[in-house]
Amino acid sequence: MPKRFPRKVRPREKNVPKGYDSKWEYLLHQGVLKSWDHHTDKIPYVVQHNYEPDFIKDKVLIEAKGRFWDHAEYSKYIWIRKSLPDTMELVFLFQKPYSPMPGAKKRKRNPNFNLKDLDA
């Protein structure tokens, strides 16, 4: 399997006026698009994809994974789960269940914490 390379971080533009995504957007709004509304509406959209489960029996889908490599990969399954009917279940079988999730932070342990403290 080819080696995965980390994604490049998108460079951030400096000194962008507040409320704008870029200096270019600001210049357009100050100039030729001065009479146009800026960032006033939100329009939802959905990108259509197809999911092919690794295994399926009755109403259970099984996905065999080594691990999740990045946010895009595991967020895909959140969208899949949202699109499934309530009668279907998506189950993961991890080859390496103790591998850290991308973006996961190590939990700080409190030696004085007990499960019984949750009932309080």
C-alpha atoms as a PDB file:
ATOM      1  CA  MET A   1       0.000   0.000   0.000  1.00  0.00           C
ATOM      2  CA  PRO A   2       1.409   3.429  -0.863  1.00  0.00           C
ATOM      3  CA  LYS A   3       2.468   5.647   2.017  1.00  0.00           C
ATOM      4  CA  ARG A   4      -0.034   8.354   2.948  1.00  0.00           C
ATOM      5  CA  PHE A   5       1.238  11.887   3.115  1.00  0.00           C
ATOM      6  CA  PRO A   6      -0.240  14.385   5.543  1.00  0.00           C
ATOM      7  CA  ARG A   7      -2.536  16.986   4.046  1.00  0.00           C
ATOM      8  CA  LYS A   8      -1.083  20.425   3.473  1.00  0.00           C
ATOM      9  CA  VAL A   9      -2.542  23.102   5.688  1.00  0.00           C
ATOM     10  CA  ARG A  10      -4.343  25.819   3.764  1.00  0.00           C
ATOM     11  CA  PRO A  11      -2.401  29.070   4.149  1.00  0.00           C
ATOM     12  CA  ARG A  12      -4.205  31.810   6.072  1.00  0.00           C
ATOM     13  CA  GLU A  13      -4.330  35.291   4.634  1.00  0.00           C
ATOM     14  CA  LYS A  14      -3.142  37.998   7.064  1.00  0.00           C
ATOM     15  CA  ASN A  15      -4.869  41.285   7.879  1.00  0.00           C
ATOM     16  CA  VAL A  16      -8.239  40.316   6.405  1.00  0.00           C
ATOM     17  CA  PRO A  17     -10.940  42.866   7.361  1.00  0.00           C
ATOM     18  CA  LYS A  18     -13.449  41.553   9.897  1.00  0.00           C
ATOM     19  CA  GLY A  19     -16.470  39.811   8.357  1.00  0.00           C
ATOM     20  CA  TYR A  20     -14.678  38.887   5.129  1.00  0.00           C
ATOM     21  CA  ASP A  21     -13.041  35.627   4.069  1.00  0.00           C
ATOM     22  CA  SER A  22     -10.274  37.294   2.050  1.00  0.00           C
ATOM     23  CA  LYS A  23      -8.891  40.667   1.021  1.00  0.00           C
ATOM     24  CA  TRP A  24     -10.179  39.973  -2.498  1.00  0.00           C
ATOM     25  CA  GLU A  25     -13.725  39.567  -1.178  1.00  0.00           C
ATOM     26  CA  TYR A  26     -13.361  42.835   0.759  1.00  0.00           C
ATOM     27  CA  LEU A  27     -12.060  44.727  -2.298  1.00  0.00           C
ATOM     28  CA  LEU A  28     -14.940  43.454  -4.439  1.00  0.00           C
ATOM     29  CA  HIS A  29     -17.499  44.511  -1.819  1.00  0.00           C
ATOM     30  CA  GLN A  30     -15.933  47.959  -1.515  1.00  0.00           C
ATOM     31  CA  GLY A  31     -15.806  48.375  -5.297  1.00  0.00           C
ATOM     32  CA  VAL A  32     -17.918  46.869  -8.067  1.00  0.00           C
ATOM     33  CA  LEU A  33     -20.157  44.831  -5.729  1.00  0.00           C
ATOM     34  CA  LYS A  34     -20.796  47.672  -3.256  1.00  0.00           C
ATOM     35  CA  SER A  35     -24.600  47.473  -3.618  1.00  0.00           C
ATOM     36  CA  TRP A  36     -24.686  43.679  -3.189  1.00  0.00           C
ATOM     37  CA  ASP A  37     -25.513  41.928   0.102  1.00  0.00           C
ATOM     38  CA  HIS A  38     -22.535  40.190   1.694  1.00  0.00           C
ATOM     39  CA  HIS A  39     -22.809  36.921   3.677  1.00  0.00           C
ATOM     40  CA  THR A  40     -26.507  37.407   4.455  1.00  0.00           C
ATOM     41  CA  ASP A  41     -27.912  33.976   3.510  1.00  0.00           C
ATOM     42  CA  LYS A  42     -26.983  30.356   4.136  1.00  0.00           C
ATOM     43  CA  ILE A  43     -27.955  27.826   1.505  1.00  0.00           C
ATOM     44  CA  PRO A  44     -27.825  24.153   2.524  1.00  0.00           C
ATOM     45  CA  TYR A  45     -26.560  21.628  -0.020  1.00  0.00           C
ATOM     46  CA  VAL A  46     -25.858  17.920  -0.190  1.00  0.00           C
ATOM     47  CA  VAL A  47     -23.184  16.166  -2.224  1.00  0.00           C
ATOM     48  CA  GLN A  48     -24.498  12.823  -3.499  1.00  0.00           C
ATOM     49  CA  HIS A  49     -22.220   9.835  -2.864  1.00  0.00           C
ATOM     50  CA  ASN A  50     -22.588   6.065  -2.862  1.00  0.00           C
ATOM     51  CA  TYR A  51     -21.465   3.841  -0.006  1.00  0.00           C
ATOM     52  CA  GLU A  52     -20.547   0.191  -0.509  1.00  0.00           C
ATOM     53  CA  PRO A  53     -20.421  -1.596   2.860  1.00  0.00           C
ATOM     54  CA  ASP A  54     -17.797  -4.295   3.355  1.00  0.00           C
ATOM     55  CA  PHE A  55     -20.364  -6.803   4.640  1.00  0.00           C
ATOM     56  CA  ILE A  56     -24.142  -6.809   4.897  1.00  0.00           C
ATOM     57  CA  LYS A  57     -26.636  -9.218   6.452  1.00  0.00           C
ATOM     58  CA  ASP A  58     -30.273  -8.439   7.070  1.00  0.00           C
ATOM     59  CA  LYS A  59     -30.257  -4.835   8.315  1.00  0.00           C
ATOM     60  CA  VAL A  60     -26.672  -4.710   9.641  1.00  0.00           C
ATOM     61  CA  LEU A  61     -23.815  -3.129   7.669  1.00  0.00           C
ATOM     62  CA  ILE A  62     -20.276  -4.002   8.760  1.00  0.00           C
ATOM     63  CA  GLU A  63     -17.294  -1.842   7.880  1.00  0.00           C
ATOM     64  CA  ALA A  64     -13.862  -3.447   8.454  1.00  0.00           C
ATOM     65  CA  LYS A  65     -11.273  -0.740   9.168  1.00  0.00           C
ATOM     66  CA  GLY A  66      -7.650  -0.714  10.189  1.00  0.00           C
ATOM     67  CA  ARG A  67      -8.182   2.767  11.617  1.00  0.00           C
ATOM     68  CA  PHE A  68      -9.436   6.198  10.608  1.00  0.00           C
ATOM     69  CA  TRP A  69      -6.710   8.262   9.000  1.00  0.00           C
ATOM     70  CA  ASP A  70      -8.205  11.737   8.909  1.00  0.00           C
ATOM     71  CA  HIS A  71     -11.268  13.823   9.667  1.00  0.00           C
ATOM     72  CA  ALA A  72     -12.649  13.481   6.141  1.00  0.00           C
ATOM     73  CA  GLU A  73     -12.624   9.709   6.397  1.00  0.00           C
ATOM     74  CA  TYR A  74     -14.485   9.409   9.678  1.00  0.00           C
ATOM     75  CA  SER A  75     -16.886  12.279   8.972  1.00  0.00           C
ATOM     76  CA  LYS A  76     -17.978  10.340   5.877  1.00  0.00           C
ATOM     77  CA  TYR A  77     -19.445   7.670   8.155  1.00  0.00           C
ATOM     78  CA  ILE A  78     -21.373  10.254  10.149  1.00  0.00           C
ATOM     79  CA  TRP A  79     -23.135  11.256   6.913  1.00  0.00           C
ATOM     80  CA  ILE A  80     -23.711   7.624   6.008  1.00  0.00           C
ATOM     81  CA  ARG A  81     -25.290   6.949   9.399  1.00  0.00           C
ATOM     82  CA  LYS A  82     -27.538  10.001   9.037  1.00  0.00           C
ATOM     83  CA  SER A  83     -28.756   8.756   5.654  1.00  0.00           C
ATOM     84  CA  LEU A  84     -29.565   5.217   6.837  1.00  0.00           C
ATOM     85  CA  PRO A  85     -33.111   4.356   7.854  1.00  0.00           C
ATOM     86  CA  ASP A  86     -33.698   3.741  11.576  1.00  0.00           C
ATOM     87  CA  THR A  87     -34.035   0.013  10.881  1.00  0.00           C
ATOM     88  CA  MET A  88     -30.401  -0.310   9.692  1.00  0.00           C
ATOM     89  CA  GLU A  89     -27.262  -0.336  11.796  1.00  0.00           C
ATOM     90  CA  LEU A  90     -23.667   0.521  10.838  1.00  0.00           C
ATOM     91  CA  VAL A  91     -21.059  -1.448  12.801  1.00  0.00           C
ATOM     92  CA  PHE A  92     -17.269  -1.025  12.699  1.00  0.00           C
ATOM     93  CA  LEU A  93     -14.764  -3.817  13.237  1.00  0.00           C
ATOM     94  CA  PHE A  94     -11.361  -2.243  13.844  1.00  0.00           C
ATOM     95  CA  GLN A  95      -8.187  -4.186  13.204  1.00  0.00           C
ATOM     96  CA  LYS A  96      -6.359  -1.835  15.602  1.00  0.00           C
ATOM     97  CA  PRO A  97      -9.040  -0.573  18.014  1.00  0.00           C
ATOM     98  CA  TYR A  98      -6.518   1.159  20.272  1.00  0.00           C
ATOM     99  CA  SER A  99      -5.018   3.330  17.524  1.00  0.00           C
ATOM    100  CA  PRO A 100      -5.654   7.024  18.219  1.00  0.00           C
ATOM    101  CA  MET A 101      -8.350   8.800  16.251  1.00  0.00           C
ATOM    102  CA  PRO A 102      -7.236  11.778  14.147  1.00  0.00           C
ATOM    103  CA  GLY A 103      -7.493  14.942  16.201  1.00  0.00           C
ATOM    104  CA  ALA A 104      -8.047  12.978  19.429  1.00  0.00           C
ATOM    105  CA  LYS A 105      -6.541  14.420  22.578  1.00  0.00           C
ATOM    106  CA  LYS A 106      -5.073  12.349  25.344  1.00  0.00           C
ATOM    107  CA  ARG A 107      -7.461  12.316  28.264  1.00  0.00           C
ATOM    108  CA  LYS A 108      -6.190  13.813  31.487  1.00  0.00           C
ATOM    109  CA  ARG A 109      -6.902  11.410  34.286  1.00  0.00           C
ATOM    110  CA  ASN A 110      -8.118  12.637  37.638  1.00  0.00           C
ATOM    111  CA  PRO A 111      -6.982  10.129  40.271  1.00  0.00           C
ATOM    112  CA  ASN A 112      -9.796  11.262  42.599  1.00  0.00           C
ATOM    113  CA  PHE A 113     -12.582  10.708  40.027  1.00  0.00           C
ATOM    114  CA  ASN A 114     -14.987   7.801  40.445  1.00  0.00           C
ATOM    115  CA  LEU A 115     -17.982   6.687  38.409  1.00  0.00           C
ATOM    116  CA  LYS A 116     -20.075   7.177  41.537  1.00  0.00           C
ATOM    117  CA  ASP A 117     -19.282  10.930  41.237  1.00  0.00           C
ATOM    118  CA  LEU A 118     -21.466  11.013  38.114  1.00  0.00           C
ATOM    119  CA  ASP A 119     -24.564  10.282  40.202  1.00  0.00           C
ATOM    120  CA  ALA A 120     -24.024  13.327  42.405  1.00  0.00           C
END
